[in-house]
Amino acid sequence: MHVDALVEFCRTGELSGLRLGMTVPEVESILGPPKDTRWMHGDEEYQQYRYGSLTLWMFHDNVDRYVEGHLLANIIVRFSEYRPLNLPETIVQHLDHSWENPTIEDTLSALADAGIRVTLEREYIHHDRLHQSFRTGNNSASIVAFDGKVDVIEK
């Protein structure tokens, strides 16, 4: 049975074969080279790999002398009401739901339909905007919403 890639990401923390701890060559074998890379604040230990709406944070593990290069440390899918969702084709081909401008209500419904438990961790108002943070099941992913619209799903 085929399962929506973002629903499965919320369940397992893996996104269409991407999982934390992967090396750059492993990531690029799935997604190809990134459209954009950025070093974080001049820090050579963190680098962002960008694939449209998908951002991967790569971390250089200086502690493990057996690992060369950077390891995948964070997977972030960003949503925007101002521009369309732009994900790599390897992920898009595994989407069953419409993820354009998702509301938190629709997202929570899709996750509940898949049997994924979601917990509201924080909710507050800042600058007249409602901020909500959710955690899925076994801490596989977190979801951040502003004023009822999903902003980020990440692991």
Protein backbone atom coordinates (compact mmCIF):
# COMPACT_ATOMS: atom_id res chain seq x y z
CA MET A 1 0.00 0.00 0.00
CA HIS A 2 1.30 3.45 -0.98
CA VAL A 3 1.50 5.99 1.85
CA ASP A 4 1.80 9.76 1.40
CA ALA A 5 5.45 10.83 1.82
CA LEU A 6 4.74 13.68 4.25
CA VAL A 7 2.38 11.54 6.33
CA GLU A 8 5.05 8.86 6.53
CA PHE A 9 7.61 11.55 7.42
CA CYS A 10 5.44 12.48 10.39
CA ARG A 11 5.19 8.81 11.38
CA THR A 12 8.84 7.76 11.00
CA GLY A 13 11.00 10.85 10.53
CA GLU A 14 12.06 9.54 7.10
CA LEU A 15 11.14 11.39 3.92
CA SER A 16 11.18 9.37 0.67
CA GLY A 17 14.34 7.55 1.69
CA LEU A 18 15.99 10.50 3.47
CA ARG A 19 16.87 9.84 7.10
CA LEU A 20 19.02 11.55 9.68
CA GLY A 21 22.67 10.49 9.70
CA MET A 22 22.96 10.06 5.92
CA THR A 23 26.12 11.29 4.19
CA VAL A 24 26.14 13.88 1.40
CA PRO A 25 26.69 11.20 -1.31
CA GLU A 26 23.74 9.20 0.08
CA VAL A 27 21.49 12.29 0.05
CA GLU A 28 22.59 13.25 -3.46
CA SER A 29 21.95 9.71 -4.72
CA ILE A 30 18.27 10.30 -3.85
CA LEU A 31 17.84 14.01 -4.65
CA GLY A 32 20.75 14.91 -6.89
CA PRO A 33 22.92 17.93 -6.11
CA PRO A 34 21.24 20.74 -4.15
CA LYS A 35 19.93 23.84 -5.93
CA ASP A 36 21.64 26.02 -3.32
CA THR A 37 24.03 25.53 -0.41
CA ARG A 38 24.83 27.92 2.43
CA TRP A 39 27.24 27.81 5.33
CA MET A 40 25.60 28.80 8.58
CA HIS A 41 27.06 32.00 10.04
CA GLY A 42 30.54 31.14 8.78
CA ASP A 43 30.45 27.93 10.79
CA GLU A 44 31.97 25.09 8.77
CA GLU A 45 30.20 22.53 10.91
CA TYR A 46 26.71 23.40 9.57
CA GLN A 47 25.68 23.72 5.97
CA GLN A 48 22.21 24.09 4.45
CA TYR A 49 21.31 22.16 1.30
CA ARG A 50 18.26 23.63 -0.40
CA TYR A 51 15.92 21.88 -2.79
CA GLY A 52 13.11 24.43 -3.22
CA SER A 53 10.76 24.05 -0.24
CA LEU A 54 13.00 21.33 1.25
CA THR A 55 15.97 22.35 3.40
CA LEU A 56 18.47 19.83 4.73
CA TRP A 57 20.90 20.79 7.48
CA MET A 58 24.16 18.95 7.16
CA PHE A 59 26.47 18.74 10.20
CA HIS A 60 30.16 17.92 10.12
CA ASP A 61 30.77 15.31 12.77
CA ASN A 62 34.29 16.10 14.01
CA VAL A 63 33.83 13.63 16.85
CA ASP A 64 33.55 10.52 14.66
CA ARG A 65 36.89 10.27 12.89
CA TYR A 66 35.57 7.43 10.73
CA VAL A 67 32.99 9.64 8.99
CA GLU A 68 34.20 11.95 6.22
CA GLY A 69 32.19 15.06 5.44
CA HIS A 70 28.79 16.18 6.62
CA LEU A 71 25.87 14.12 7.95
CA LEU A 72 22.17 14.87 7.57
CA ALA A 73 21.04 16.42 10.87
CA ASN A 74 17.70 18.08 10.08
CA ILE A 75 14.99 17.71 7.40
CA ILE A 76 12.69 20.72 6.96
CA VAL A 77 9.70 21.15 4.63
CA ARG A 78 8.58 24.80 4.46
CA PHE A 79 5.13 25.86 3.31
CA SER A 80 4.20 29.35 2.14
CA GLU A 81 0.99 31.02 1.12
CA TYR A 82 3.06 33.32 -1.10
CA ARG A 83 4.73 30.73 -3.32
CA PRO A 84 3.86 27.20 -4.40
CA LEU A 85 5.24 24.14 -2.66
CA ASN A 86 8.37 23.13 -4.57
CA LEU A 87 9.71 19.70 -3.63
CA PRO A 88 12.05 17.36 -5.52
CA GLU A 89 10.27 14.96 -7.89
CA THR A 90 11.43 11.96 -5.85
CA ILE A 91 9.20 13.28 -3.04
CA VAL A 92 6.36 14.68 -5.18
CA GLN A 93 5.73 11.29 -6.78
CA HIS A 94 4.92 9.95 -3.30
CA LEU A 95 2.41 12.64 -2.30
CA ASP A 96 -1.25 11.62 -2.15
CA HIS A 97 -2.62 14.73 -0.43
CA SER A 98 -2.65 18.30 -1.68
CA TRP A 99 -0.04 20.06 0.44
CA GLU A 100 -0.48 23.52 -1.09
CA ASN A 101 -1.11 25.94 1.79
CA PRO A 102 -2.18 23.21 4.23
CA THR A 103 -4.23 24.17 7.25
CA ILE A 104 -3.37 22.63 10.58
CA GLU A 105 -6.91 21.19 10.71
CA ASP A 106 -6.46 19.36 7.38
CA THR A 107 -2.97 18.20 8.35
CA LEU A 108 -4.09 16.84 11.71
CA SER A 109 -7.02 15.10 9.99
CA ALA A 110 -4.71 13.41 7.45
CA LEU A 111 -2.41 12.26 10.24
CA ALA A 112 -5.33 10.99 12.35
CA ASP A 113 -6.66 9.07 9.33
CA ALA A 114 -3.23 7.39 9.12
CA GLY A 115 -3.34 6.52 12.84
CA ILE A 116 -0.64 9.01 13.82
CA ARG A 117 -1.04 10.56 17.26
CA VAL A 118 -0.23 14.28 17.42
CA THR A 119 0.28 16.28 20.61
CA LEU A 120 -0.02 20.05 20.95
CA GLU A 121 3.18 21.12 22.75
CA ARG A 122 2.87 24.90 22.77
CA GLU A 123 0.30 27.47 21.84
CA TYR A 124 0.62 31.21 22.29
CA ILE A 125 -0.14 34.56 20.67
CA HIS A 126 2.72 36.78 19.56
CA HIS A 127 2.29 39.96 17.50
CA ASP A 128 -1.41 39.11 17.10
CA ARG A 129 -0.57 35.74 15.52
CA LEU A 130 -1.47 32.34 16.94
CA HIS A 131 1.61 30.11 17.12
CA GLN A 132 1.17 26.36 17.60
CA SER A 133 3.79 23.62 17.89
CA PHE A 134 2.89 19.94 17.60
CA ARG A 135 4.88 16.73 18.01
CA THR A 136 3.96 13.52 16.21
CA GLY A 137 3.72 10.07 17.79
CA ASN A 138 7.11 8.92 18.92
CA ASN A 139 8.75 12.32 18.35
CA SER A 140 9.27 11.51 14.68
CA ALA A 141 8.51 15.04 13.49
CA SER A 142 7.36 18.43 14.64
CA ILE A 143 4.79 20.68 12.99
CA VAL A 144 4.66 24.45 13.41
CA ALA A 145 1.59 26.46 12.44
CA PHE A 146 0.81 30.17 12.39
CA ASP A 147 -2.80 31.33 12.43
CA GLY A 148 -4.03 27.87 11.47
CA LYS A 149 -1.68 27.43 8.47
CA VAL A 150 1.14 24.90 8.53
CA ASP A 151 4.50 26.65 8.25
CA VAL A 152 6.99 23.82 8.79
CA ILE A 153 7.13 20.05 9.16
CA GLU A 154 10.57 18.94 10.30
CA LYS A 155 12.68 16.27 11.90
